[in-house]
Amino acid sequence: MRVLFDNGVPRGVAAALSEHTVEEGPSRGWDTLGNGELLDAAEAEGSNVFVTTDRNIRYQQNLSRRKTAIVVLGSGRWRLIKTRVPEIAAAIDTAVAGTLIEVEIPVG
């Protein structure tokens, strides 16, 4: 699967996704795009899963028309996320186009 990370997703998550192709929005020159434009660009490039820390994306996008699945992380802080990497990887592995999966990240 092709996975696109939004700006707030720590790079350390990519280490758990070795069987996937992981790209970062900023490395593609997409760091100035809004969510809708970013998802459009990701879909045009063949991304299957978009990973973001933007918890409001579910209210900003019509997911039913999307060719990409969205995985939302409950935090962008690596010290909190690193303990949830297996859950994040499982969410990405099971993601289906047009759906959103939220991975809760406890704060303490």
Protein backbone atom coordinates (compact mmCIF):
# COMPACT_ATOMS: atom_id res chain seq x y z
CA MET A 1 0.00 0.00 0.00
CA ARG A 2 1.02 3.59 -0.55
CA VAL A 3 0.74 5.63 2.64
CA LEU A 4 0.94 9.43 2.82
CA PHE A 5 1.84 11.15 6.10
CA ASP A 6 0.47 14.61 6.83
CA ASN A 7 2.77 17.26 8.35
CA GLY A 8 2.10 16.35 12.01
CA VAL A 9 2.81 12.62 11.79
CA PRO A 10 6.16 11.69 13.40
CA ARG A 11 8.60 9.94 11.08
CA GLY A 12 9.15 7.16 13.61
CA VAL A 13 5.80 5.64 12.66
CA ALA A 14 7.18 4.78 9.20
CA ALA A 15 9.61 2.25 10.73
CA ALA A 16 6.66 -0.01 11.61
CA LEU A 17 5.33 0.13 8.06
CA SER A 18 8.20 -1.53 6.22
CA GLU A 19 5.85 -3.51 3.96
CA HIS A 20 4.26 -0.25 2.72
CA THR A 21 5.55 2.65 0.68
CA VAL A 22 5.48 5.68 2.98
CA GLU A 23 5.71 9.25 1.71
CA GLU A 24 5.45 12.56 3.52
CA GLY A 25 3.39 15.47 2.21
CA PRO A 26 6.17 18.04 2.71
CA SER A 27 8.70 15.92 0.77
CA ARG A 28 6.28 16.02 -2.18
CA GLY A 29 6.00 19.81 -1.93
CA TRP A 30 2.45 19.51 -0.60
CA ASP A 31 2.98 21.16 2.79
CA THR A 32 1.00 24.25 1.78
CA LEU A 33 -2.06 22.32 0.58
CA GLY A 34 -5.26 22.21 2.63
CA ASN A 35 -6.71 18.82 3.54
CA GLY A 36 -9.06 18.59 0.55
CA GLU A 37 -6.34 19.54 -1.91
CA LEU A 38 -3.86 17.23 -0.18
CA LEU A 39 -6.25 14.28 -0.38
CA ASP A 40 -6.95 15.05 -4.05
CA ALA A 41 -3.20 15.12 -4.79
CA ALA A 42 -2.62 11.91 -2.80
CA GLU A 43 -5.38 10.11 -4.67
CA ALA A 44 -4.06 11.33 -8.03
CA GLU A 45 -0.65 9.89 -7.11
CA GLY A 46 -2.16 6.56 -6.04
CA SER A 47 -1.98 6.78 -2.25
CA ASN A 48 -4.21 4.27 -0.48
CA VAL A 49 -4.03 5.63 3.08
CA PHE A 50 -3.65 9.17 4.41
CA VAL A 51 -2.35 9.43 7.99
CA THR A 52 -2.97 12.68 9.85
CA THR A 53 -3.19 14.18 13.33
CA ASP A 54 -6.03 16.50 12.27
CA ARG A 55 -8.97 15.21 14.32
CA ASN A 56 -11.38 17.59 12.55
CA ILE A 57 -10.83 16.06 9.11
CA ARG A 58 -13.94 13.88 9.53
CA TYR A 59 -16.04 17.06 9.61
CA GLN A 60 -14.19 18.75 6.74
CA GLN A 61 -14.29 16.02 4.11
CA ASN A 62 -16.94 13.91 2.41
CA LEU A 63 -15.31 10.54 2.95
CA SER A 64 -17.79 8.53 0.89
CA ARG A 65 -16.36 9.88 -2.36
CA ARG A 66 -12.73 9.28 -1.39
CA LYS A 67 -10.49 6.64 -2.95
CA THR A 68 -8.17 6.94 0.03
CA ALA A 69 -8.69 5.71 3.59
CA ILE A 70 -7.88 8.12 6.42
CA VAL A 71 -6.18 7.15 9.68
CA VAL A 72 -6.31 9.85 12.36
CA LEU A 73 -3.83 9.81 15.22
CA GLY A 74 -5.08 11.30 18.48
CA SER A 75 -1.76 13.11 19.00
CA GLY A 76 1.30 14.21 17.06
CA ARG A 77 3.72 13.83 19.96
CA TRP A 78 6.20 11.01 19.36
CA ARG A 79 6.68 10.22 23.07
CA LEU A 80 2.96 9.39 23.23
CA ILE A 81 2.62 7.80 19.80
CA LYS A 82 5.57 5.39 20.00
CA THR A 83 3.71 3.09 22.40
CA ARG A 84 0.79 2.86 19.95
CA VAL A 85 2.73 2.06 16.78
CA PRO A 86 1.36 -1.52 16.57
CA GLU A 87 -2.22 -0.18 16.68
CA ILE A 88 -1.37 2.43 14.06
CA ALA A 89 0.14 -0.22 11.79
CA ALA A 90 -2.94 -2.44 12.25
CA ALA A 91 -5.25 0.47 11.40
CA ILE A 92 -3.29 1.14 8.21
CA ASP A 93 -3.24 -2.56 7.28
CA THR A 94 -7.04 -2.82 7.57
CA ALA A 95 -7.98 0.59 6.15
CA VAL A 96 -10.58 0.65 3.37
CA ALA A 97 -11.07 3.46 0.84
CA GLY A 98 -13.64 6.02 1.92
CA THR A 99 -13.38 5.21 5.62
CA LEU A 100 -11.79 6.89 8.63
CA ILE A 101 -10.14 5.07 11.54
CA GLU A 102 -9.13 7.00 14.64
CA VAL A 103 -6.29 5.68 16.79
CA GLU A 104 -6.62 7.06 20.29
CA ILE A 105 -3.38 8.18 21.88
CA PRO A 106 -3.64 8.48 25.69
CA VAL A 107 -1.91 11.51 27.15
CA GLY A 108 -0.51 9.82 30.18
